[in-house]
């Protein structure tokens, strides 16, 4: 919902009631993840997407006609594949509701939290005999709203904070009053964690392309270089911040703020810059560390890192030469190559052509 959250908040603040369809669960090759959302406004606009085009029409109609919240499953069979438009072969559960200032009084506070890049989760009852639509907002240190009882609130608060810490959104099953065992109540937890960080070291043309693509992929991008003549806002307008500092000193200072979603791209291919920063980066618990350079540069870099005390286990996590073999030549193509490797490692993809594979598209 992050991509439509601000539009939703603006309309609700202006007194509108907006239909909202949210993906709460997916199976097989469903095209959008849990949390993806589409708004249907009072004047008939559709904002966002729940299926990449497959069932938008059906959700649009449901959001316009339904009064009470409803959980709808869309799947395919040989007979109904084109009836709802879900031709990709997947199954998705979509929760459709009407949101306004009365049904979601905490929305403004949620938006403020997201704008501040702080974590927050929205827990909504999507299946229950009489509590469907009840909502609670959970922060790391407090909560607002209720799911109908203190027992349910306490159980969901604990679980929602766990999901928020790991950046996961999804459905949790409980007994009718929040019992840990049993069934009867389904709660969708929509996590809004701060965006993942991308640290790009080396203020070169490849870094400019990487910053553009990183921003497009939803990363909070920092470009860092010790040379003030190159590390300028003018050269990197898509970056969230441009820092003039020695890369290793900046990374050491930022290390406590990084997590397993962080990606680090060292594009300097200059030993006096990249060896000190890689010595630190390879000892951090981050999602990706890559370094640019030829195979000769790579071998020289490995030797220098070994001399600096980096272990073979730590070196094994380094992606160097950086990127996938796409035959890239330009900075933009190289950035795509690096991004493809990051995505492949994150979701455990093979990096091969889908046409050559027989297994499911989505892992």
Protein backbone atom coordinates (compact mmCIF):
# COMPACT_ATOMS: atom_id res chain seq x y z
CA UNK A 1 0.00 0.00 0.00
CA UNK A 2 2.99 2.29 0.31
CA UNK A 3 2.67 3.43 -3.31
CA UNK A 4 -0.93 4.64 -2.84
CA UNK A 5 -0.83 5.58 0.86
CA UNK A 6 -0.28 9.30 0.37
CA UNK A 7 -3.00 9.55 -2.29
CA UNK A 8 -5.37 7.75 0.06
CA UNK A 9 -4.52 10.04 2.98
CA UNK A 10 -4.99 13.21 0.91
CA UNK A 11 -8.43 12.12 -0.26
CA UNK A 12 -9.55 11.01 3.20
CA UNK A 13 -8.32 14.31 4.65
CA UNK A 14 -10.56 16.08 2.12
CA UNK A 15 -13.58 14.17 3.38
CA UNK A 16 -13.75 11.47 0.69
CA UNK A 17 -14.62 7.82 1.10
CA UNK A 18 -12.29 5.65 -0.96
CA UNK A 19 -12.64 2.02 -1.96
CA UNK A 20 -9.42 0.11 -1.28
CA UNK A 21 -8.51 -3.34 -2.55
CA UNK A 22 -5.44 -4.88 -0.87
CA UNK A 23 -3.64 -8.11 -1.73
CA UNK A 24 -3.48 -10.07 1.53
CA UNK A 25 -2.27 -13.47 0.32
CA UNK A 26 -0.84 -14.95 -2.87
CA UNK A 27 -0.33 -18.46 -4.18
CA UNK A 28 1.60 -19.84 -7.16
CA UNK A 29 2.38 -17.23 -9.83
CA UNK A 30 0.37 -14.31 -8.48
CA UNK A 31 1.89 -11.13 -9.96
CA UNK A 32 1.78 -8.73 -6.98
CA UNK A 33 2.91 -9.34 -3.38
CA UNK A 34 0.89 -9.06 -0.18
CA UNK A 35 0.34 -5.39 0.59
CA UNK A 36 -0.11 -4.23 -3.00
CA UNK A 37 -3.20 -2.02 -3.17
CA UNK A 38 -5.54 -0.22 -5.54
CA UNK A 39 -7.73 2.77 -4.76
CA UNK A 40 -11.13 3.35 -6.35
CA UNK A 41 -12.16 6.95 -5.80
CA UNK A 42 -15.63 8.43 -5.62
CA UNK A 43 -15.21 10.01 -9.04
CA UNK A 44 -14.28 6.67 -10.59
CA UNK A 45 -10.49 6.86 -10.75
CA UNK A 46 -8.36 3.75 -10.22
CA UNK A 47 -4.99 4.36 -8.57
CA UNK A 48 -2.43 1.60 -8.04
CA UNK A 49 -2.58 -2.09 -8.88
CA UNK A 50 -3.35 -5.39 -7.21
CA UNK A 51 -2.46 -7.79 -10.00
CA UNK A 52 -0.51 -6.04 -12.72
CA UNK A 53 -3.68 -5.80 -14.81
CA UNK A 54 -5.13 -9.30 -14.33
CA UNK A 55 -8.12 -8.68 -12.04
CA UNK A 56 -8.18 -4.91 -11.71
CA UNK A 57 -11.57 -4.74 -13.44
CA UNK A 58 -13.20 -7.17 -11.01
CA UNK A 59 -11.73 -5.41 -7.97
CA UNK A 60 -12.76 -2.03 -9.38
CA UNK A 61 -16.37 -3.17 -9.67
CA UNK A 62 -16.34 -4.74 -6.21
CA UNK A 63 -14.87 -1.61 -4.61
CA UNK A 64 -17.61 0.50 -6.16
CA UNK A 65 -20.50 -1.76 -5.22
CA UNK A 66 -19.62 -3.26 -1.84
CA UNK A 67 -20.65 -1.51 1.34
CA UNK A 68 -19.22 -3.87 3.93
CA UNK A 69 -15.62 -5.15 3.89
CA UNK A 70 -15.23 -8.36 1.89
CA UNK A 71 -12.46 -10.89 1.31
CA UNK A 72 -12.46 -12.18 -2.27
CA UNK A 73 -10.33 -14.93 -3.81
CA UNK A 74 -9.40 -14.78 -7.47
CA UNK A 75 -7.97 -17.88 -9.15
CA UNK A 76 -7.99 -19.57 -12.52
CA UNK A 77 -9.14 -22.79 -14.07
CA UNK A 78 -9.47 -23.76 -17.69
CA UNK A 79 -13.05 -22.50 -17.67
CA UNK A 80 -12.79 -19.23 -15.79
CA UNK A 81 -9.30 -17.97 -16.66
CA UNK A 82 -10.60 -15.15 -18.81
CA UNK A 83 -13.77 -14.56 -16.81
CA UNK A 84 -11.90 -12.58 -14.15
CA UNK A 85 -8.78 -11.95 -16.19
CA UNK A 86 -6.30 -13.81 -13.97
CA UNK A 87 -4.54 -15.55 -16.82
CA UNK A 88 -1.12 -15.80 -15.14
CA UNK A 89 -2.05 -18.99 -13.32
CA UNK A 90 -1.90 -17.67 -9.77
CA UNK A 91 -4.34 -17.25 -6.91
CA UNK A 92 -4.72 -14.03 -4.92
CA UNK A 93 -6.84 -13.08 -1.93
CA UNK A 94 -7.94 -9.45 -2.01
CA UNK A 95 -9.57 -7.61 0.87
CA UNK A 96 -11.85 -4.80 -0.28
CA UNK A 97 -13.09 -2.08 2.07
CA UNK A 98 -14.22 1.54 2.18
CA UNK A 99 -11.88 3.90 4.01
CA UNK A 100 -12.71 7.34 5.32
CA UNK A 101 -11.92 9.45 8.37
CA UNK A 102 -14.42 7.48 10.46
CA UNK A 103 -13.30 3.97 9.51
CA UNK A 104 -9.58 4.75 9.77
CA UNK A 105 -9.00 7.64 12.22
CA UNK A 106 -5.31 6.75 12.65
CA UNK A 107 -4.50 7.13 8.93
CA UNK A 108 -2.95 10.57 9.30
CA UNK A 109 -0.64 9.35 12.04
CA UNK A 110 0.37 6.35 9.93
CA UNK A 111 1.30 8.67 7.06
CA UNK A 112 3.38 10.87 9.38
CA UNK A 113 5.25 7.78 10.57
CA UNK A 114 5.93 6.56 7.03
CA UNK A 115 7.08 10.01 5.92
CA UNK A 116 9.51 10.05 8.84
CA UNK A 117 10.85 6.68 7.62
CA UNK A 118 9.91 5.00 10.89
CA UNK A 119 8.33 1.51 11.18
CA UNK A 120 4.60 0.97 11.60
CA UNK A 121 2.20 -1.89 10.90
CA UNK A 122 -1.55 -1.95 10.23
CA UNK A 123 -3.39 -5.03 11.51
CA UNK A 124 -6.88 -5.59 10.07
CA UNK A 125 -9.36 -8.38 10.79
CA UNK A 126 -10.27 -9.83 7.40
CA UNK A 127 -12.14 -12.98 8.56
CA UNK A 128 -14.25 -13.34 11.71
CA UNK A 129 -17.91 -13.97 12.60
CA UNK A 130 -18.46 -10.36 13.73
CA UNK A 131 -15.20 -8.37 13.78
CA UNK A 132 -14.34 -8.00 10.09
CA UNK A 133 -12.87 -4.58 9.40
CA UNK A 134 -11.68 -3.85 12.92
CA UNK A 135 -8.23 -2.34 12.79
CA UNK A 136 -5.24 -1.66 15.01
CA UNK A 137 -2.07 0.31 14.24
CA UNK A 138 1.11 -1.02 15.82
CA UNK A 139 4.35 0.87 16.38
CA UNK A 140 7.45 -0.60 18.05
CA UNK A 141 6.53 1.13 21.32
CA UNK A 142 2.76 1.68 21.23
CA UNK A 143 -0.50 0.86 19.49
CA UNK A 144 -3.81 2.51 18.61
CA UNK A 145 -7.23 1.06 17.85
CA UNK A 146 -8.52 -2.38 18.76
CA UNK A 147 -9.41 -5.73 17.21
CA UNK A 148 -12.25 -6.33 19.62
CA UNK A 149 -10.63 -7.56 22.84
CA UNK A 150 -7.50 -7.07 24.90
CA UNK A 151 -6.53 -10.70 24.34
CA UNK A 152 -6.63 -10.33 20.58
CA UNK A 153 -4.90 -6.97 20.74
CA UNK A 154 -2.02 -8.32 22.83
CA UNK A 155 -1.49 -11.40 20.64
CA UNK A 156 -1.59 -9.47 17.37
CA UNK A 157 0.62 -6.69 18.74
CA UNK A 158 3.38 -9.17 19.55
CA UNK A 159 3.13 -10.88 16.17
CA UNK A 160 2.84 -7.63 14.21
CA UNK A 161 6.00 -6.28 15.82
CA UNK A 162 7.82 -9.45 14.88
CA UNK A 163 6.66 -9.13 11.27
CA UNK A 164 7.52 -5.44 11.23
CA UNK A 165 11.06 -6.15 12.42
CA UNK A 166 11.60 -8.45 9.47
CA UNK A 167 9.69 -6.32 6.97
CA UNK A 168 7.05 -8.95 6.25
CA UNK A 169 3.35 -8.51 5.46
CA UNK A 170 0.86 -11.36 5.58
CA UNK A 171 -2.09 -13.11 7.20
CA UNK A 172 -1.95 -14.62 10.71
CA UNK A 173 -4.55 -17.08 11.96
CA UNK A 174 -5.98 -17.04 15.49
CA UNK A 175 -8.84 -18.46 17.47
CA UNK A 176 -12.01 -16.32 17.57
CA UNK A 177 -10.69 -14.18 20.44
CA UNK A 178 -7.02 -14.09 19.51
CA UNK A 179 -6.09 -17.53 20.84
CA UNK A 180 -2.70 -18.68 19.61
CA UNK A 181 -4.19 -21.99 18.59
CA UNK A 182 -7.35 -22.54 16.65
CA UNK A 183 -9.04 -20.72 13.83
CA UNK A 184 -11.88 -18.33 13.32
CA UNK A 185 -10.03 -15.03 13.03
CA UNK A 186 -7.69 -14.01 10.21
CA UNK A 187 -5.67 -10.82 10.61
CA UNK A 188 -3.75 -9.16 7.80
CA UNK A 189 -0.62 -7.37 8.98
CA UNK A 190 0.61 -4.74 6.52
CA UNK A 191 4.15 -3.70 7.44
CA UNK A 192 5.58 -0.30 6.55
CA UNK A 193 9.25 -0.53 7.38
CA UNK A 194 11.70 2.22 6.32
CA UNK A 195 12.93 1.77 2.73
CA UNK A 196 16.07 -0.34 2.31
CA UNK A 197 19.33 1.49 1.80
CA UNK A 198 21.68 1.41 -1.15
CA UNK A 199 25.18 2.77 -0.56
CA UNK A 200 27.09 3.56 -3.75
CA UNK A 201 30.77 4.36 -3.29
CA UNK A 202 32.54 6.19 -6.10
CA UNK A 203 31.15 9.33 -7.76
CA UNK A 204 31.50 8.16 -11.36
CA UNK A 205 29.12 7.87 -14.30
CA UNK A 206 28.32 4.25 -13.39
CA UNK A 207 27.29 5.48 -9.92
CA UNK A 208 24.90 8.01 -11.46
CA UNK A 209 23.17 5.23 -13.41
CA UNK A 210 23.14 3.02 -10.30
CA UNK A 211 21.56 5.81 -8.23
CA UNK A 212 18.78 6.25 -10.80
CA UNK A 213 18.01 2.54 -10.88
CA UNK A 214 18.29 2.16 -7.11
CA UNK A 215 15.77 4.94 -6.58
CA UNK A 216 13.47 3.32 -9.15
CA UNK A 217 13.65 0.03 -7.21
CA UNK A 218 12.64 1.75 -3.97
CA UNK A 219 16.00 2.10 -2.24
CA UNK A 220 17.09 5.11 -0.22
CA UNK A 221 20.25 5.85 -2.19
CA UNK A 222 23.44 7.41 -0.85
CA UNK A 223 26.38 8.24 -3.10
CA UNK A 224 29.67 8.73 -1.26
CA UNK A 225 33.07 9.85 -2.49
CA UNK A 226 36.00 11.67 -0.88
CA UNK A 227 36.39 14.03 -3.86
CA UNK A 228 34.14 17.11 -3.50
CA UNK A 229 34.52 18.10 -7.14
CA UNK A 230 32.80 14.86 -8.20
CA UNK A 231 30.41 14.17 -5.29
CA UNK A 232 27.85 16.88 -6.03
CA UNK A 233 24.06 17.04 -5.99
CA UNK A 234 24.11 18.24 -9.60
CA UNK A 235 25.78 15.05 -10.80
CA UNK A 236 23.52 12.76 -8.74
CA UNK A 237 20.03 14.32 -8.65
CA UNK A 238 18.28 10.96 -8.14
CA UNK A 239 20.27 10.10 -5.00
CA UNK A 240 18.62 10.81 -1.65
CA UNK A 241 21.93 12.11 -0.34
CA UNK A 242 25.39 12.80 -1.69
CA UNK A 243 28.15 12.60 0.91
CA UNK A 244 31.68 13.94 0.66
CA UNK A 245 33.75 11.66 2.90
CA UNK A 246 36.25 8.84 2.75
CA UNK A 247 34.10 5.78 2.00
CA UNK A 248 35.43 3.63 4.84
CA UNK A 249 34.95 6.39 7.41
CA UNK A 250 31.39 7.00 6.26
CA UNK A 251 30.55 3.29 6.26
CA UNK A 252 32.00 2.79 9.73
CA UNK A 253 29.80 5.60 11.06
CA UNK A 254 26.69 4.30 9.29
CA UNK A 255 27.19 0.62 10.17
CA UNK A 256 24.85 0.58 13.23
CA UNK A 257 22.00 1.87 11.03
CA UNK A 258 22.31 -0.81 8.34
CA UNK A 259 20.40 -4.08 8.14
CA UNK A 260 20.13 -7.22 6.04
CA UNK A 261 18.23 -5.35 3.32
CA UNK A 262 21.11 -2.95 2.72
CA UNK A 263 23.07 -3.22 -0.53
CA UNK A 264 26.56 -1.83 -1.00
CA UNK A 265 28.08 -1.17 -4.43
CA UNK A 266 31.74 -0.19 -4.51
CA UNK A 267 32.36 1.31 -7.95
CA UNK A 268 35.66 3.14 -7.39
CA UNK A 269 38.00 0.33 -8.58
CA UNK A 270 40.80 2.26 -6.88
CA UNK A 271 42.62 0.34 -4.12
CA UNK A 272 43.04 3.33 -1.82
CA UNK A 273 39.25 3.72 -1.75
CA UNK A 274 37.77 0.27 -2.25
CA UNK A 275 40.02 -1.91 -0.06
CA UNK A 276 39.37 0.00 3.20
CA UNK A 277 35.61 0.23 2.58
CA UNK A 278 35.32 -3.43 1.56
CA UNK A 279 37.25 -4.50 4.65
CA UNK A 280 34.40 -3.01 6.70
CA UNK A 281 31.53 -3.93 4.37
CA UNK A 282 32.38 -7.65 4.22
CA UNK A 283 32.10 -7.88 8.00
CA UNK A 284 28.63 -6.34 8.16
CA UNK A 285 25.34 -8.24 8.09
CA UNK A 286 24.01 -6.66 4.91
CA UNK A 287 22.19 -8.13 1.95
CA UNK A 288 24.74 -7.50 -0.78
CA UNK A 289 28.28 -6.27 -1.26
CA UNK A 290 29.57 -5.86 -4.81
CA UNK A 291 32.70 -4.30 -6.27
CA UNK A 292 33.41 -3.16 -9.81
CA UNK A 293 36.57 -3.98 -11.72
CA UNK A 294 38.19 -6.29 -14.20
CA UNK A 295 39.23 -9.81 -13.25
CA UNK A 296 42.79 -8.56 -12.88
CA UNK A 297 41.58 -5.80 -10.57
CA UNK A 298 39.51 -8.38 -8.70
CA UNK A 299 42.50 -10.67 -8.07
CA UNK A 300 44.63 -7.75 -6.90
CA UNK A 301 41.80 -6.60 -4.65
CA UNK A 302 41.41 -10.04 -3.09
CA UNK A 303 45.10 -10.17 -2.29
CA UNK A 304 45.01 -6.75 -0.66
CA UNK A 305 41.95 -7.73 1.39
CA UNK A 306 43.63 -10.92 2.56
CA UNK A 307 46.66 -8.89 3.64
CA UNK A 308 44.26 -6.64 5.56
CA UNK A 309 43.00 -9.66 7.49
CA UNK A 310 39.73 -10.39 5.68
CA UNK A 311 38.96 -14.11 5.95
CA UNK A 312 38.12 -16.46 3.10
CA UNK A 313 34.61 -16.84 4.53
CA UNK A 314 34.13 -13.08 4.43
CA UNK A 315 35.58 -12.86 0.92
CA UNK A 316 33.10 -15.48 -0.29
CA UNK A 317 30.25 -13.00 0.21
CA UNK A 318 31.79 -10.46 -2.18
CA UNK A 319 30.17 -10.11 -5.60
CA UNK A 320 33.16 -9.25 -7.75
CA UNK A 321 33.32 -8.68 -10.63
CA UNK A 322 29.97 -7.08 -9.92
CA UNK A 323 26.72 -7.89 -11.73
CA UNK A 324 25.30 -10.59 -13.98
CA UNK A 325 26.60 -11.52 -17.42
CA UNK A 326 24.24 -9.44 -19.57
CA UNK A 327 26.88 -8.24 -22.00
CA UNK A 328 26.47 -4.74 -20.55
CA UNK A 329 28.52 -1.91 -22.03
CA UNK A 330 27.05 1.45 -21.02
CA UNK A 331 26.71 2.74 -17.45
CA UNK A 332 22.95 2.23 -17.67
CA UNK A 333 23.30 -1.35 -18.88
CA UNK A 334 25.86 -2.03 -16.17
CA UNK A 335 23.47 -0.66 -13.55
CA UNK A 336 20.79 -3.06 -14.82
CA UNK A 337 23.33 -5.89 -14.57
CA UNK A 338 24.10 -5.00 -10.94
CA UNK A 339 20.43 -4.58 -10.06
CA UNK A 340 19.64 -7.94 -11.66
CA UNK A 341 22.24 -9.62 -9.47
CA UNK A 342 20.86 -7.94 -6.35
CA UNK A 343 17.32 -9.06 -7.19
CA UNK A 344 18.46 -12.56 -8.07
CA UNK A 345 20.30 -13.01 -4.77
CA UNK A 346 17.46 -11.52 -2.75
CA UNK A 347 14.82 -13.84 -4.19
CA UNK A 348 17.15 -16.76 -4.96
CA UNK A 349 16.65 -16.59 -8.70
CA UNK A 350 18.94 -18.42 -11.08
CA UNK A 351 19.66 -15.46 -13.36
CA UNK A 352 18.86 -17.65 -16.38
CA UNK A 353 16.32 -16.94 -19.12
CA UNK A 354 12.81 -17.92 -18.07
CA UNK A 355 12.22 -19.47 -21.48
CA UNK A 356 14.91 -22.04 -20.63
CA UNK A 357 13.35 -22.99 -17.28
CA UNK A 358 10.44 -25.25 -16.45
CA UNK A 359 9.83 -24.36 -12.81
CA UNK A 360 7.39 -21.69 -11.51
CA UNK A 361 8.24 -18.10 -12.38
CA UNK A 362 7.84 -16.81 -8.80
CA UNK A 363 9.97 -18.50 -6.16
